[in-house]
Amino acid sequence: MTAMVVMEMGRFLISTDRSKLNVDVIHRFLARSYWAAGIPRATVMRSIENSLCFGVYEGDDQIGFARVVSDFATFAYFADVFILEQYRERGLGKELIASVMAHPDLQGLRRWSLATRDAHGLYTQFGFTALENPSRMMEIVDSEVYTRS
């Protein structure tokens, strides 16, 4: 499963080729993000190993990332989406999301999910909406998971 997708956009490339991923870039960004602050590198590596990952590149430099956690039949969770700050406002985030949504292994799913506190306008362009009935959703949040020894 998870066929490799390569999409060239002028001088930028979006690819699912895991060998191109720069874990240092991904970890550095996520460890400072509001949603994964302090995440250990080993956790980032495990999340990459167990997800369908998309890298955004300028030449050999990774400048963006997204991953999808899915059963590839009914459900997908969109996670860890970012474009490095100096590359924003160029439409790369939009292209990244479009590439993820168009991936052949992610077609025909019954439900997509994501959590975000910003960029709602970007995601609504792709059909994401606020939960119709949030009382049906449940979660466990362990805010101290990254600080334990």
C-alpha atoms as a PDB file:
ATOM      1  CA  MET A   1       0.000   0.000   0.000  1.00  0.00           C
ATOM      2  CA  THR A   2       0.977   3.698   0.159  1.00  0.00           C
ATOM      3  CA  ALA A   3       2.138   4.205  -3.400  1.00  0.00           C
ATOM      4  CA  MET A   4       4.737   6.908  -3.792  1.00  0.00           C
ATOM      5  CA  VAL A   5       3.349  10.202  -5.019  1.00  0.00           C
ATOM      6  CA  VAL A   6       5.590  12.829  -6.523  1.00  0.00           C
ATOM      7  CA  MET A   7       4.178  16.202  -7.507  1.00  0.00           C
ATOM      8  CA  GLU A   8       6.448  18.861  -8.931  1.00  0.00           C
ATOM      9  CA  MET A   9       5.359  22.487  -8.606  1.00  0.00           C
ATOM     10  CA  GLY A  10       7.999  24.550 -10.343  1.00  0.00           C
ATOM     11  CA  ARG A  11      11.002  24.419  -8.058  1.00  0.00           C
ATOM     12  CA  PHE A  12       9.123  22.632  -5.242  1.00  0.00           C
ATOM     13  CA  LEU A  13       8.429  18.923  -4.852  1.00  0.00           C
ATOM     14  CA  ILE A  14       5.861  17.035  -2.762  1.00  0.00           C
ATOM     15  CA  SER A  15       6.709  13.389  -2.241  1.00  0.00           C
ATOM     16  CA  THR A  16       5.801  10.380  -0.093  1.00  0.00           C
ATOM     17  CA  ASP A  17       9.298   8.944  -0.512  1.00  0.00           C
ATOM     18  CA  ARG A  18      10.302   8.204   3.116  1.00  0.00           C
ATOM     19  CA  SER A  19      13.999   8.178   2.229  1.00  0.00           C
ATOM     20  CA  LYS A  20      13.793  11.918   1.513  1.00  0.00           C
ATOM     21  CA  LEU A  21      12.360  12.872   4.921  1.00  0.00           C
ATOM     22  CA  ASN A  22      14.648  14.938   7.145  1.00  0.00           C
ATOM     23  CA  VAL A  23      13.722  13.857  10.675  1.00  0.00           C
ATOM     24  CA  ASP A  24      15.845  16.661  12.163  1.00  0.00           C
ATOM     25  CA  VAL A  25      13.791  19.321  10.347  1.00  0.00           C
ATOM     26  CA  ILE A  26      10.513  17.628  11.276  1.00  0.00           C
ATOM     27  CA  HIS A  27      11.468  17.156  14.926  1.00  0.00           C
ATOM     28  CA  ARG A  28      12.827  20.688  15.288  1.00  0.00           C
ATOM     29  CA  PHE A  29       9.563  22.160  13.989  1.00  0.00           C
ATOM     30  CA  LEU A  30       7.227  19.871  15.939  1.00  0.00           C
ATOM     31  CA  ALA A  31       9.140  20.229  19.220  1.00  0.00           C
ATOM     32  CA  ARG A  32       8.409  23.978  19.093  1.00  0.00           C
ATOM     33  CA  SER A  33       4.832  23.736  17.801  1.00  0.00           C
ATOM     34  CA  TYR A  34       1.823  24.393  20.032  1.00  0.00           C
ATOM     35  CA  TRP A  35       0.443  20.901  19.400  1.00  0.00           C
ATOM     36  CA  ALA A  36       3.586  18.824  20.008  1.00  0.00           C
ATOM     37  CA  ALA A  37       5.817  21.060  22.149  1.00  0.00           C
ATOM     38  CA  GLY A  38       8.673  19.088  23.657  1.00  0.00           C
ATOM     39  CA  ILE A  39       7.997  15.923  21.665  1.00  0.00           C
ATOM     40  CA  PRO A  40      10.973  13.560  21.834  1.00  0.00           C
ATOM     41  CA  ARG A  41      12.775  12.725  18.591  1.00  0.00           C
ATOM     42  CA  ALA A  42      12.102   9.003  19.138  1.00  0.00           C
ATOM     43  CA  THR A  43       8.355   9.708  19.263  1.00  0.00           C
ATOM     44  CA  VAL A  44       8.534  11.694  16.022  1.00  0.00           C
ATOM     45  CA  MET A  45      10.400   8.819  14.385  1.00  0.00           C
ATOM     46  CA  ARG A  46       7.804   6.292  15.570  1.00  0.00           C
ATOM     47  CA  SER A  47       4.963   8.502  14.309  1.00  0.00           C
ATOM     48  CA  ILE A  48       6.645   8.728  10.894  1.00  0.00           C
ATOM     49  CA  GLU A  49       7.157   4.959  10.746  1.00  0.00           C
ATOM     50  CA  ASN A  50       3.447   4.382  11.379  1.00  0.00           C
ATOM     51  CA  SER A  51       1.971   7.015   9.081  1.00  0.00           C
ATOM     52  CA  LEU A  52       1.726   7.919   5.421  1.00  0.00           C
ATOM     53  CA  CYS A  53       4.065  10.915   5.249  1.00  0.00           C
ATOM     54  CA  PHE A  54       4.357  13.745   2.744  1.00  0.00           C
ATOM     55  CA  GLY A  55       7.435  15.927   2.488  1.00  0.00           C
ATOM     56  CA  VAL A  56       7.685  19.276   0.708  1.00  0.00           C
ATOM     57  CA  TYR A  57      11.104  20.071  -0.738  1.00  0.00           C
ATOM     58  CA  GLU A  58      13.026  22.841  -2.405  1.00  0.00           C
ATOM     59  CA  GLY A  59      15.883  20.946  -3.999  1.00  0.00           C
ATOM     60  CA  ASP A  60      17.249  18.664  -1.275  1.00  0.00           C
ATOM     61  CA  ASP A  61      15.923  20.861   1.555  1.00  0.00           C
ATOM     62  CA  GLN A  62      12.773  19.790   3.345  1.00  0.00           C
ATOM     63  CA  ILE A  63      10.514  22.792   3.897  1.00  0.00           C
ATOM     64  CA  GLY A  64       7.197  21.178   4.811  1.00  0.00           C
ATOM     65  CA  PHE A  65       5.551  18.047   6.107  1.00  0.00           C
ATOM     66  CA  ALA A  66       2.237  16.322   6.729  1.00  0.00           C
ATOM     67  CA  ARG A  67       1.304  12.862   7.860  1.00  0.00           C
ATOM     68  CA  VAL A  68      -1.852  10.794   7.741  1.00  0.00           C
ATOM     69  CA  VAL A  69      -2.833   8.055  10.167  1.00  0.00           C
ATOM     70  CA  SER A  70      -5.304   5.754   8.436  1.00  0.00           C
ATOM     71  CA  ASP A  71      -6.724   2.277   8.019  1.00  0.00           C
ATOM     72  CA  PHE A  72      -6.857   3.104   4.257  1.00  0.00           C
ATOM     73  CA  ALA A  73     -10.448   1.873   4.132  1.00  0.00           C
ATOM     74  CA  THR A  74     -12.707   4.080   6.264  1.00  0.00           C
ATOM     75  CA  PHE A  75     -10.834   6.714   8.251  1.00  0.00           C
ATOM     76  CA  ALA A  76      -7.892   9.134   8.080  1.00  0.00           C
ATOM     77  CA  TYR A  77      -6.483  11.563  10.621  1.00  0.00           C
ATOM     78  CA  PHE A  78      -4.513  14.486   9.229  1.00  0.00           C
ATOM     79  CA  ALA A  79      -1.594  15.434  11.526  1.00  0.00           C
ATOM     80  CA  ASP A  80       1.570  17.504  11.910  1.00  0.00           C
ATOM     81  CA  VAL A  81       0.988  19.709   8.876  1.00  0.00           C
ATOM     82  CA  PHE A  82       3.499  22.511   8.452  1.00  0.00           C
ATOM     83  CA  ILE A  83       5.391  24.677   6.005  1.00  0.00           C
ATOM     84  CA  LEU A  84       8.498  26.396   7.383  1.00  0.00           C
ATOM     85  CA  GLU A  85       7.754  30.039   8.081  1.00  0.00           C
ATOM     86  CA  GLN A  86      10.053  31.498   5.421  1.00  0.00           C
ATOM     87  CA  TYR A  87       8.186  29.503   2.722  1.00  0.00           C
ATOM     88  CA  ARG A  88       4.636  30.442   3.718  1.00  0.00           C
ATOM     89  CA  GLU A  89       2.293  32.634   1.656  1.00  0.00           C
ATOM     90  CA  ARG A  90       3.288  30.859  -1.584  1.00  0.00           C
ATOM     91  CA  GLY A  91       0.419  28.379  -1.779  1.00  0.00           C
ATOM     92  CA  LEU A  92       2.581  25.468  -0.640  1.00  0.00           C
ATOM     93  CA  GLY A  93       0.284  24.544   2.259  1.00  0.00           C
ATOM     94  CA  LYS A  94      -2.643  24.419  -0.120  1.00  0.00           C
ATOM     95  CA  GLU A  95      -0.680  22.241  -2.560  1.00  0.00           C
ATOM     96  CA  LEU A  96       0.386  19.945   0.276  1.00  0.00           C
ATOM     97  CA  ILE A  97      -3.187  19.436   1.465  1.00  0.00           C
ATOM     98  CA  ALA A  98      -4.381  18.899  -2.110  1.00  0.00           C
ATOM     99  CA  SER A  99      -1.669  16.267  -2.622  1.00  0.00           C
ATOM    100  CA  VAL A 100      -2.646  14.447   0.550  1.00  0.00           C
ATOM    101  CA  MET A 101      -6.346  14.498  -0.319  1.00  0.00           C
ATOM    102  CA  ALA A 102      -5.594  13.211  -3.848  1.00  0.00           C
ATOM    103  CA  HIS A 103      -3.376  10.309  -2.748  1.00  0.00           C
ATOM    104  CA  PRO A 104      -4.700   7.090  -4.350  1.00  0.00           C
ATOM    105  CA  ASP A 105      -4.637   5.116  -1.074  1.00  0.00           C
ATOM    106  CA  LEU A 106      -6.818   7.707   0.639  1.00  0.00           C
ATOM    107  CA  GLN A 107      -9.750   7.734  -1.780  1.00  0.00           C
ATOM    108  CA  GLY A 108     -13.249   6.642  -0.768  1.00  0.00           C
ATOM    109  CA  LEU A 109     -12.756   7.085   2.965  1.00  0.00           C
ATOM    110  CA  ARG A 110     -15.866   7.652   5.047  1.00  0.00           C
ATOM    111  CA  ARG A 111     -14.309  10.163   7.436  1.00  0.00           C
ATOM    112  CA  TRP A 112     -11.346  12.513   7.613  1.00  0.00           C
ATOM    113  CA  SER A 113     -10.413  14.183  10.871  1.00  0.00           C
ATOM    114  CA  LEU A 114      -7.960  16.800  12.078  1.00  0.00           C
ATOM    115  CA  ALA A 115      -7.385  19.057  15.037  1.00  0.00           C
ATOM    116  CA  THR A 116      -6.331  22.665  14.588  1.00  0.00           C
ATOM    117  CA  ARG A 117      -6.614  25.952  16.371  1.00  0.00           C
ATOM    118  CA  ASP A 118      -5.658  27.971  13.312  1.00  0.00           C
ATOM    119  CA  ALA A 119      -5.776  27.744   9.494  1.00  0.00           C
ATOM    120  CA  HIS A 120      -9.484  26.911   9.501  1.00  0.00           C
ATOM    121  CA  GLY A 121      -9.922  28.819   6.230  1.00  0.00           C
ATOM    122  CA  LEU A 122      -7.276  26.685   4.565  1.00  0.00           C
ATOM    123  CA  TYR A 123      -8.887  23.400   5.600  1.00  0.00           C
ATOM    124  CA  THR A 124     -12.456  24.483   4.806  1.00  0.00           C
ATOM    125  CA  GLN A 125     -11.371  24.906   1.174  1.00  0.00           C
ATOM    126  CA  PHE A 126     -10.965  21.120   1.132  1.00  0.00           C
ATOM    127  CA  GLY A 127     -14.321  20.326   2.721  1.00  0.00           C
ATOM    128  CA  PHE A 128     -13.365  20.188   6.401  1.00  0.00           C
ATOM    129  CA  THR A 129     -16.012  21.580   8.748  1.00  0.00           C
ATOM    130  CA  ALA A 130     -16.403  21.972  12.496  1.00  0.00           C
ATOM    131  CA  LEU A 131     -17.817  18.876  14.158  1.00  0.00           C
ATOM    132  CA  GLU A 132     -21.545  18.675  13.549  1.00  0.00           C
ATOM    133  CA  ASN A 133     -22.093  16.989  16.887  1.00  0.00           C
ATOM    134  CA  PRO A 134     -19.007  17.365  19.099  1.00  0.00           C
ATOM    135  CA  SER A 135     -20.754  15.584  21.974  1.00  0.00           C
ATOM    136  CA  ARG A 136     -20.297  12.335  20.028  1.00  0.00           C
ATOM    137  CA  MET A 137     -16.523  12.675  20.065  1.00  0.00           C
ATOM    138  CA  MET A 138     -14.360  11.646  22.998  1.00  0.00           C
ATOM    139  CA  GLU A 139     -10.674  11.895  23.682  1.00  0.00           C
ATOM    140  CA  ILE A 140      -7.921  11.224  26.153  1.00  0.00           C
ATOM    141  CA  VAL A 141      -5.313  13.974  26.363  1.00  0.00           C
ATOM    142  CA  ASP A 142      -2.160  13.376  28.352  1.00  0.00           C
ATOM    143  CA  SER A 143      -0.436  16.736  28.432  1.00  0.00           C
ATOM    144  CA  GLU A 144       2.492  15.364  30.413  1.00  0.00           C
ATOM    145  CA  VAL A 145       3.320  12.462  28.101  1.00  0.00           C
ATOM    146  CA  TYR A 146       6.507  14.103  26.750  1.00  0.00           C
ATOM    147  CA  THR A 147       7.836  15.163  30.142  1.00  0.00           C
ATOM    148  CA  ARG A 148       7.864  11.781  31.849  1.00  0.00           C
ATOM    149  CA  SER A 149      11.113   9.874  32.234  1.00  0.00           C
END
